[in-house]
Amino acid sequence: MIFRIIPRVKPKTCRICGRESILISDIIGVCVDCLREDKEAVEVAMVGHERSRRFYGLPVEPPNDPKGVECRICANRCRIPEGGKGFCGLVKNEGGKLVRLAGTPKKGLLEWYYDPLPTNCVADWTCPGCKGIGYPKWAYTDGPEIGYKNLAVFYGACNLDCLFCQNWHYREMASNPRKFISARELANAVNDKVSCVCYFGGDPGPQIIHALASSRIMIEENKDRILRICWESNGLMNPDILDKAVELSLISGGNFKFDIKAWNPNIYKALTGVSNKYLFSNIKRAAKRIGERREVPLIVASTLLVPGYVDEIEVEMIAGFLADIDPTIPYRLLAFHPDYLMNDLPPTSKNHMLKCLEAAKRQGLENISIGNPWLLGNHY
């Protein structure tokens, strides 16, 4: 028997409209209705991000100094002032030139480990390693690849500041980068029992040049066998660099998983601290290649159902966007567990999940899955 400890949740008050609810997080400070309707609500939420970022010595928002030097690795397009850092913490402006503390082929700030297959991949229900989809071209077995491993690569930086982050310790790595691994050294971790590589974090975006370099070595040195390259990312990369990541997944049998935090720009910024301005154009761009390999999904999307903020309205808009591109895009709805600075919310309720599931179905998506179902309950 499995016992779960459900935290006691107290009502909090929206600082705009005065509403009280257990579905308001104190670190956000406002309710979802005010975020949708009141421009001041986002500014209230940004106070929470200031607390999150300053504790680790990271910029509160992506710098936008007119005289700064622009970094073009990700969609934040930081204009970094002299002596300042980019939002990810890994890029500095020294003497008018950008210096990358990590994320180059020679220096990656990361941790890695072997994860036995089948694993708890966000895309596990459409994954060759977990289900044998695409066998024999893209999978070793007609079912779970038992005996094989995923090389899980955790990058220690991110270009978002999610206040609910379950992998929040990447901030400690980014704020005090010390131990580095080259692309060559990471590629050496691949052995004959590694059938897939998954880059996550944090997010692989700020260190995508390192990941691409390592992936190319891996593919070249394992070209006579299956080695899938996969990504779990917020998708806020430079579009041209995104193309290169998607290409590697396409030719190797892997996938690119887009973690879509929210549809509404105000809700997205309140939760993550940055804009989703370029996210949906990036998804459209990557999805243009879906038809080149139908037997294994190239693009997968997911959304975490944050209680009180990511509701069926958000999911319906996201699902409609995906269905308009291609109704076969796999979409996973993930149950939330309280963590980091949003630990004053309950886990996702079963009713919340079912409403979002129906909303996604109404929009015509054909392949929807529920993730982390053990967290669901009658929490609200």
Protein backbone atom coordinates (compact mmCIF):
# COMPACT_ATOMS: atom_id res chain seq x y z
CA MET A 1 0.00 0.00 0.00
CA ILE A 2 1.28 3.47 -0.94
CA PHE A 3 0.64 6.36 1.43
CA ARG A 4 0.85 9.95 0.25
CA ILE A 5 1.18 12.91 2.56
CA ILE A 6 -1.00 15.73 1.22
CA PRO A 7 0.07 19.14 2.52
CA ARG A 8 -2.41 21.24 4.46
CA VAL A 9 -3.28 24.17 2.27
CA LYS A 10 -4.60 27.45 3.63
CA PRO A 11 -6.50 30.07 1.64
CA LYS A 12 -4.46 33.02 0.39
CA THR A 13 -5.72 36.43 -0.71
CA CYS A 14 -5.40 37.94 -4.18
CA ARG A 15 -3.66 41.29 -3.80
CA ILE A 16 -5.67 42.77 -6.66
CA CYS A 17 -9.29 41.71 -6.16
CA GLY A 18 -9.20 40.48 -2.53
CA ARG A 19 -10.54 37.01 -3.37
CA GLU A 20 -9.53 34.20 -1.00
CA SER A 21 -8.77 30.69 -2.24
CA ILE A 22 -6.51 27.70 -1.65
CA LEU A 23 -5.80 27.96 -5.40
CA ILE A 24 -3.87 31.21 -5.01
CA SER A 25 -0.15 30.88 -4.34
CA ASP A 26 1.33 33.47 -2.03
CA ILE A 27 4.51 33.78 -4.12
CA ILE A 28 2.39 34.70 -7.18
CA GLY A 29 0.14 36.90 -5.06
CA VAL A 30 -2.79 37.13 -7.47
CA CYS A 31 -5.55 34.90 -8.82
CA VAL A 32 -5.79 33.63 -12.38
CA ASP A 33 -8.77 35.88 -13.22
CA CYS A 34 -6.78 39.00 -12.35
CA LEU A 35 -3.85 37.75 -14.40
CA ARG A 36 -6.15 37.46 -17.39
CA GLU A 37 -7.87 40.79 -16.87
CA ASP A 38 -5.55 43.20 -15.01
CA LYS A 39 -2.14 44.28 -16.33
CA GLU A 40 -1.01 45.19 -12.81
CA ALA A 41 -1.36 41.57 -11.72
CA VAL A 42 1.75 40.52 -13.64
CA GLU A 43 3.81 43.15 -11.84
CA VAL A 44 2.62 41.76 -8.50
CA ALA A 45 3.69 38.27 -9.59
CA MET A 46 7.13 39.53 -10.62
CA VAL A 47 7.90 40.34 -6.98
CA GLY A 48 8.04 36.61 -6.38
CA HIS A 49 10.53 36.19 -9.20
CA GLU A 50 12.70 38.90 -7.68
CA ARG A 51 12.87 36.81 -4.49
CA SER A 52 13.67 33.66 -6.46
CA ARG A 53 16.38 35.21 -8.60
CA ARG A 54 18.16 37.47 -6.13
CA PHE A 55 18.70 34.61 -3.70
CA TYR A 56 20.92 32.98 -6.33
CA GLY A 57 22.45 36.17 -7.67
CA LEU A 58 20.74 35.85 -11.06
CA PRO A 59 19.11 38.68 -13.07
CA VAL A 60 15.47 39.19 -12.14
CA GLU A 61 14.43 39.58 -15.79
CA PRO A 62 16.22 39.10 -19.10
CA PRO A 63 18.45 42.19 -19.36
CA ASN A 64 17.54 44.65 -22.09
CA ASP A 65 20.23 47.31 -22.03
CA PRO A 66 20.15 49.37 -25.27
CA LYS A 67 23.95 49.61 -25.07
CA GLY A 68 24.38 45.97 -24.12
CA VAL A 69 25.60 43.07 -26.24
CA GLU A 70 22.88 40.76 -27.52
CA CYS A 71 23.03 37.02 -26.86
CA ARG A 72 21.17 35.07 -29.54
CA ILE A 73 21.29 31.55 -28.15
CA CYS A 74 17.72 31.62 -26.84
CA ALA A 75 14.47 33.49 -27.38
CA ASN A 76 15.06 35.81 -24.41
CA ARG A 77 17.57 37.70 -26.59
CA CYS A 78 19.30 39.21 -23.55
CA ARG A 79 21.03 42.54 -24.17
CA ILE A 80 23.68 42.24 -21.48
CA PRO A 81 25.25 45.40 -20.02
CA GLU A 82 28.98 45.78 -19.41
CA GLY A 83 29.89 43.58 -16.43
CA GLY A 84 26.44 41.99 -16.36
CA LYS A 85 25.10 38.48 -16.84
CA GLY A 86 22.44 37.01 -19.06
CA PHE A 87 19.24 35.65 -17.55
CA CYS A 88 20.60 32.08 -17.56
CA GLY A 89 23.64 33.17 -15.55
CA LEU A 90 26.12 31.55 -17.94
CA VAL A 91 26.90 34.50 -20.24
CA LYS A 92 28.80 37.64 -19.22
CA ASN A 93 29.64 40.90 -20.96
CA GLU A 94 33.33 41.54 -20.43
CA GLY A 95 34.74 44.54 -22.24
CA GLY A 96 31.95 44.56 -24.78
CA LYS A 97 32.33 40.87 -25.65
CA LEU A 98 30.22 37.94 -24.56
CA VAL A 99 32.03 35.34 -22.50
CA ARG A 100 30.30 31.98 -22.07
CA LEU A 101 30.99 30.45 -18.68
CA ALA A 102 29.45 27.17 -19.87
CA GLY A 103 27.54 25.80 -22.80
CA THR A 104 30.41 25.57 -25.27
CA PRO A 105 31.75 22.31 -26.73
CA LYS A 106 34.60 22.46 -24.21
CA LYS A 107 32.54 23.36 -21.13
CA GLY A 108 29.13 22.00 -20.20
CA LEU A 109 27.63 22.62 -16.77
CA LEU A 110 25.69 19.42 -16.18
CA GLU A 111 25.13 16.17 -14.36
CA TRP A 112 24.45 12.85 -16.06
CA TYR A 113 23.35 9.38 -15.04
CA TYR A 114 22.05 6.13 -16.51
CA ASP A 115 18.30 5.59 -16.26
CA PRO A 116 17.19 1.98 -16.93
CA LEU A 117 14.51 1.58 -19.59
CA PRO A 118 11.56 1.77 -19.50
CA THR A 119 11.79 5.08 -17.69
CA ASN A 120 9.41 7.86 -16.65
CA CYS A 121 9.94 9.91 -19.79
CA VAL A 122 7.29 12.57 -20.45
CA ALA A 123 6.74 10.87 -23.81
CA ASP A 124 6.91 7.29 -22.51
CA TRP A 125 3.60 6.21 -24.09
CA THR A 126 4.91 7.13 -27.56
CA CYS A 127 8.57 6.22 -26.97
CA PRO A 128 10.54 3.48 -28.77
CA GLY A 129 12.56 2.78 -25.63
CA CYS A 130 9.53 2.46 -23.38
CA LYS A 131 7.00 0.89 -25.77
CA GLY A 132 8.96 -0.47 -28.73
CA ILE A 133 7.29 1.95 -31.14
CA GLY A 134 9.11 2.01 -34.48
CA TYR A 135 10.59 -1.48 -34.06
CA PRO A 136 12.85 -2.67 -35.62
CA LYS A 137 14.18 0.53 -37.22
CA TRP A 138 13.99 2.78 -34.15
CA ALA A 139 13.78 0.31 -31.23
CA TYR A 140 15.79 -2.74 -30.20
CA THR A 141 12.75 -4.68 -29.00
CA ASP A 142 9.07 -4.97 -29.87
CA GLY A 143 8.16 -3.59 -26.45
CA PRO A 144 10.07 -1.98 -23.57
CA GLU A 145 13.83 -2.06 -24.10
CA ILE A 146 14.56 -3.95 -20.89
CA GLY A 147 18.29 -4.19 -20.30
CA TYR A 148 18.99 -0.93 -22.12
CA LYS A 149 19.54 2.51 -20.59
CA ASN A 150 18.77 6.14 -21.19
CA LEU A 151 21.67 8.57 -20.77
CA ALA A 152 19.92 11.32 -18.78
CA VAL A 153 21.71 14.68 -19.12
CA PHE A 154 20.69 17.35 -16.62
CA TYR A 155 21.88 20.81 -17.67
CA GLY A 156 22.49 23.22 -14.80
CA ALA A 157 20.89 26.37 -16.18
CA CYS A 158 17.55 27.57 -17.53
CA ASN A 159 16.12 30.51 -19.45
CA LEU A 160 12.91 30.43 -17.38
CA ASP A 161 12.30 30.94 -13.66
CA CYS A 162 9.39 28.62 -12.92
CA LEU A 163 8.28 29.19 -9.35
CA PHE A 164 6.99 25.60 -9.13
CA CYS A 165 10.18 23.99 -10.50
CA GLN A 166 10.76 20.40 -9.35
CA ASN A 167 14.39 20.57 -10.49
CA TRP A 168 15.03 23.91 -8.80
CA HIS A 169 18.57 22.98 -7.73
CA TYR A 170 19.84 23.87 -11.22
CA ARG A 171 19.92 27.44 -9.84
CA GLU A 172 22.68 26.43 -7.43
CA MET A 173 24.72 25.12 -10.34
CA ALA A 174 24.14 28.24 -12.47
CA SER A 175 24.90 30.68 -9.65
CA ASN A 176 28.22 29.02 -8.82
CA PRO A 177 29.47 27.08 -11.86
CA ARG A 178 32.42 24.89 -11.00
CA LYS A 179 32.70 21.40 -12.45
CA PHE A 180 32.48 21.21 -16.24
CA ILE A 181 32.24 18.36 -18.75
CA SER A 182 33.25 18.69 -22.38
CA ALA A 183 31.09 17.47 -25.25
CA ARG A 184 33.70 14.77 -25.89
CA GLU A 185 33.61 13.58 -22.27
CA LEU A 186 29.82 13.40 -22.28
CA ALA A 187 29.85 11.42 -25.53
CA ASN A 188 32.18 8.93 -23.85
CA ALA A 189 29.35 8.03 -21.46
CA VAL A 190 27.53 6.26 -24.31
CA ASN A 191 28.09 2.50 -24.29
CA ASP A 192 26.43 -0.39 -26.11
CA LYS A 193 23.58 -0.52 -23.58
CA VAL A 194 22.64 3.15 -24.04
CA SER A 195 19.84 3.33 -26.61
CA CYS A 196 18.71 6.93 -26.05
CA VAL A 197 19.98 10.24 -24.74
CA CYS A 198 17.65 12.81 -23.14
CA TYR A 199 18.69 16.39 -22.52
CA PHE A 200 16.71 18.19 -19.82
CA GLY A 201 17.41 20.32 -16.73
CA GLY A 202 16.99 23.22 -16.00
CA ASP A 203 16.75 23.35 -19.73
CA PRO A 204 19.14 22.38 -22.52
CA GLY A 205 18.43 25.70 -24.29
CA PRO A 206 21.13 27.88 -22.66
CA GLN A 207 23.76 25.18 -23.31
CA ILE A 208 22.40 23.91 -26.61
CA ILE A 209 25.74 24.38 -28.42
CA HIS A 210 27.34 21.88 -26.02
CA ALA A 211 24.45 19.44 -26.46
CA LEU A 212 24.58 19.64 -30.24
CA ALA A 213 28.33 19.07 -30.27
CA SER A 214 28.07 16.05 -28.00
CA SER A 215 25.13 14.62 -29.98
CA ARG A 216 27.02 14.80 -33.25
CA ILE A 217 29.92 12.87 -31.75
CA MET A 218 27.54 10.28 -30.32
CA ILE A 219 25.70 9.78 -33.61
CA GLU A 220 28.91 9.55 -35.65
CA GLU A 221 30.45 6.99 -33.30
CA ASN A 222 27.26 4.92 -33.09
CA LYS A 223 26.02 5.19 -36.67
CA ASP A 224 25.70 1.43 -37.06
CA ARG A 225 23.20 1.03 -34.22
CA ILE A 226 20.16 2.72 -32.65
CA LEU A 227 20.91 5.78 -30.52
CA ARG A 228 17.99 8.18 -30.19
CA ILE A 229 18.54 11.88 -29.34
CA CYS A 230 15.69 13.45 -27.33
CA TRP A 231 15.04 16.82 -25.74
CA GLU A 232 12.79 18.01 -22.90
CA SER A 233 12.67 21.76 -23.29
CA ASN A 234 10.57 24.88 -22.87
CA GLY A 235 11.25 25.42 -26.59
CA LEU A 236 12.52 28.99 -26.24
CA MET A 237 15.59 28.53 -28.41
CA ASN A 238 16.94 30.54 -31.28
CA PRO A 239 14.88 29.17 -34.22
CA ASP A 240 17.93 28.32 -36.33
CA ILE A 241 19.47 26.39 -33.43
CA LEU A 242 16.15 24.68 -32.76
CA ASP A 243 16.25 23.39 -36.35
CA LYS A 244 19.55 21.64 -35.63
CA ALA A 245 18.20 19.97 -32.47
CA VAL A 246 15.06 18.76 -34.27
CA GLU A 247 17.17 17.43 -37.14
CA LEU A 248 19.23 15.27 -34.79
CA SER A 249 16.08 13.83 -33.25
CA LEU A 250 14.58 13.19 -36.67
CA ILE A 251 17.52 11.22 -38.04
CA SER A 252 18.08 9.23 -34.82
CA GLY A 253 14.52 8.19 -33.95
CA GLY A 254 14.25 10.57 -31.01
CA ASN A 255 11.78 13.34 -30.21
CA PHE A 256 11.58 16.95 -29.14
CA LYS A 257 9.29 17.46 -26.18
CA PHE A 258 7.87 20.99 -25.85
CA ASP A 259 6.90 21.83 -22.27
CA ILE A 260 4.12 24.41 -22.75
CA LYS A 261 3.64 26.14 -19.40
CA ALA A 262 0.61 28.25 -20.35
CA TRP A 263 -1.14 29.89 -23.30
CA ASN A 264 -2.02 33.29 -21.87
CA PRO A 265 1.07 35.57 -21.94
CA ASN A 266 0.30 37.04 -18.51
CA ILE A 267 -0.13 33.63 -16.86
CA TYR A 268 3.01 32.37 -18.58
CA LYS A 269 5.07 35.30 -17.32
CA ALA A 270 3.63 35.11 -13.81
CA LEU A 271 4.63 31.44 -13.58
CA THR A 272 7.98 31.59 -15.41
CA GLY A 273 9.20 35.18 -15.21
CA VAL A 274 9.61 35.56 -18.98
CA SER A 275 7.59 35.93 -22.17
CA ASN A 276 6.22 33.10 -24.33
CA LYS A 277 6.34 35.39 -27.39
CA TYR A 278 8.41 33.02 -29.54
CA LEU A 279 7.29 29.66 -28.15
CA PHE A 280 4.39 28.95 -30.47
CA SER A 281 6.19 30.02 -33.62
CA ASN A 282 9.01 27.65 -32.63
CA ILE A 283 6.54 24.79 -32.22
CA LYS A 284 5.10 25.50 -35.68
CA ARG A 285 8.59 25.58 -37.11
CA ALA A 286 9.59 22.23 -35.61
CA ALA A 287 6.27 20.62 -36.53
CA LYS A 288 6.87 21.22 -40.24
CA ARG A 289 9.02 18.09 -40.17
CA ILE A 290 6.46 15.76 -38.57
CA GLY A 291 5.53 14.22 -41.90
CA GLU A 292 9.10 13.10 -42.56
CA ARG A 293 8.82 10.34 -39.92
CA ARG A 294 5.33 9.27 -38.97
CA GLU A 295 6.12 5.90 -37.38
CA VAL A 296 7.65 7.54 -34.28
CA PRO A 297 6.28 10.96 -33.22
CA LEU A 298 8.88 13.68 -33.73
CA ILE A 299 7.11 16.38 -31.69
CA VAL A 300 5.50 15.79 -28.29
CA ALA A 301 3.87 18.46 -26.10
CA SER A 302 3.10 18.55 -22.39
CA THR A 303 1.47 20.91 -19.92
CA LEU A 304 1.68 20.84 -16.13
CA LEU A 305 -1.73 21.51 -14.58
CA VAL A 306 -0.77 24.01 -11.90
CA PRO A 307 -3.84 24.32 -9.60
CA GLY A 308 -5.47 27.72 -9.79
CA TYR A 309 -3.46 28.87 -12.80
CA VAL A 310 -3.28 26.33 -15.62
CA ASP A 311 -6.94 25.42 -16.08
CA GLU A 312 -9.12 24.02 -18.84
CA ILE A 313 -9.16 27.41 -20.60
CA GLU A 314 -5.37 27.29 -20.97
CA VAL A 315 -5.42 23.65 -22.05
CA GLU A 316 -8.19 24.19 -24.60
CA MET A 317 -6.24 27.01 -26.24
CA ILE A 318 -3.01 24.99 -26.31
CA ALA A 319 -4.78 21.88 -27.62
CA GLY A 320 -6.54 23.90 -30.33
CA PHE A 321 -3.21 25.34 -31.43
CA LEU A 322 -1.64 21.87 -31.62
CA ALA A 323 -4.63 20.30 -33.37
CA ASP A 324 -4.57 23.01 -36.04
CA ILE A 325 -0.96 22.05 -36.79
CA ASP A 326 -1.49 18.28 -36.68
CA PRO A 327 -4.12 16.43 -34.60
CA THR A 328 -1.76 13.46 -34.18
CA ILE A 329 0.74 15.43 -32.05
CA PRO A 330 0.95 13.54 -28.72
CA TYR A 331 -0.07 15.72 -25.77
CA ARG A 332 0.50 14.84 -22.13
CA LEU A 333 -1.33 16.49 -19.25
CA LEU A 334 0.83 16.33 -16.14
CA ALA A 335 -0.39 16.35 -12.54
CA PHE A 336 1.25 18.97 -10.33
CA HIS A 337 3.01 18.36 -7.03
CA PRO A 338 3.81 21.39 -4.81
CA ASP A 339 7.50 22.31 -4.95
CA TYR A 340 10.03 25.15 -4.78
CA LEU A 341 8.27 28.49 -4.03
CA MET A 342 4.78 27.30 -5.00
CA ASN A 343 4.62 24.68 -2.27
CA ASP A 344 1.49 26.25 -0.82
CA LEU A 345 -0.81 24.80 -3.49
CA PRO A 346 -2.43 21.35 -3.41
CA PRO A 347 -1.62 18.66 -5.99
CA THR A 348 -3.81 18.61 -9.09
CA SER A 349 -7.30 17.32 -8.40
CA LYS A 350 -8.87 14.51 -10.40
CA ASN A 351 -11.74 16.76 -11.47
CA HIS A 352 -9.29 19.40 -12.73
CA MET A 353 -7.48 16.77 -14.80
CA LEU A 354 -10.69 15.38 -16.29
CA LYS A 355 -11.91 18.85 -17.29
CA CYS A 356 -8.61 19.54 -19.04
CA LEU A 357 -8.69 16.14 -20.72
CA GLU A 358 -12.14 16.84 -22.13
CA ALA A 359 -11.07 20.32 -23.23
CA ALA A 360 -8.14 18.86 -25.19
CA LYS A 361 -10.36 16.22 -26.77
CA ARG A 362 -12.88 18.86 -27.85
CA GLN A 363 -10.17 20.52 -29.88
CA GLY A 364 -9.57 17.35 -31.87
CA LEU A 365 -6.27 16.02 -30.55
CA GLU A 366 -6.11 12.28 -31.09
CA ASN A 367 -3.32 11.18 -28.74
CA ILE A 368 -3.70 12.57 -25.21
CA SER A 369 -2.20 11.01 -22.11
CA ILE A 370 -2.35 11.67 -18.35
CA GLY A 371 0.97 11.84 -16.51
CA ASN A 372 1.61 11.36 -12.77
CA PRO A 373 -1.91 9.98 -12.13
CA TRP A 374 -0.92 8.83 -8.63
CA LEU A 375 -0.91 12.49 -7.54
CA LEU A 376 -4.57 13.02 -8.42
CA GLY A 377 -7.16 13.17 -5.67
CA ASN A 378 -10.07 15.20 -4.32
CA HIS A 379 -7.80 18.06 -3.28
CA TYR A 380 -10.17 20.89 -4.29
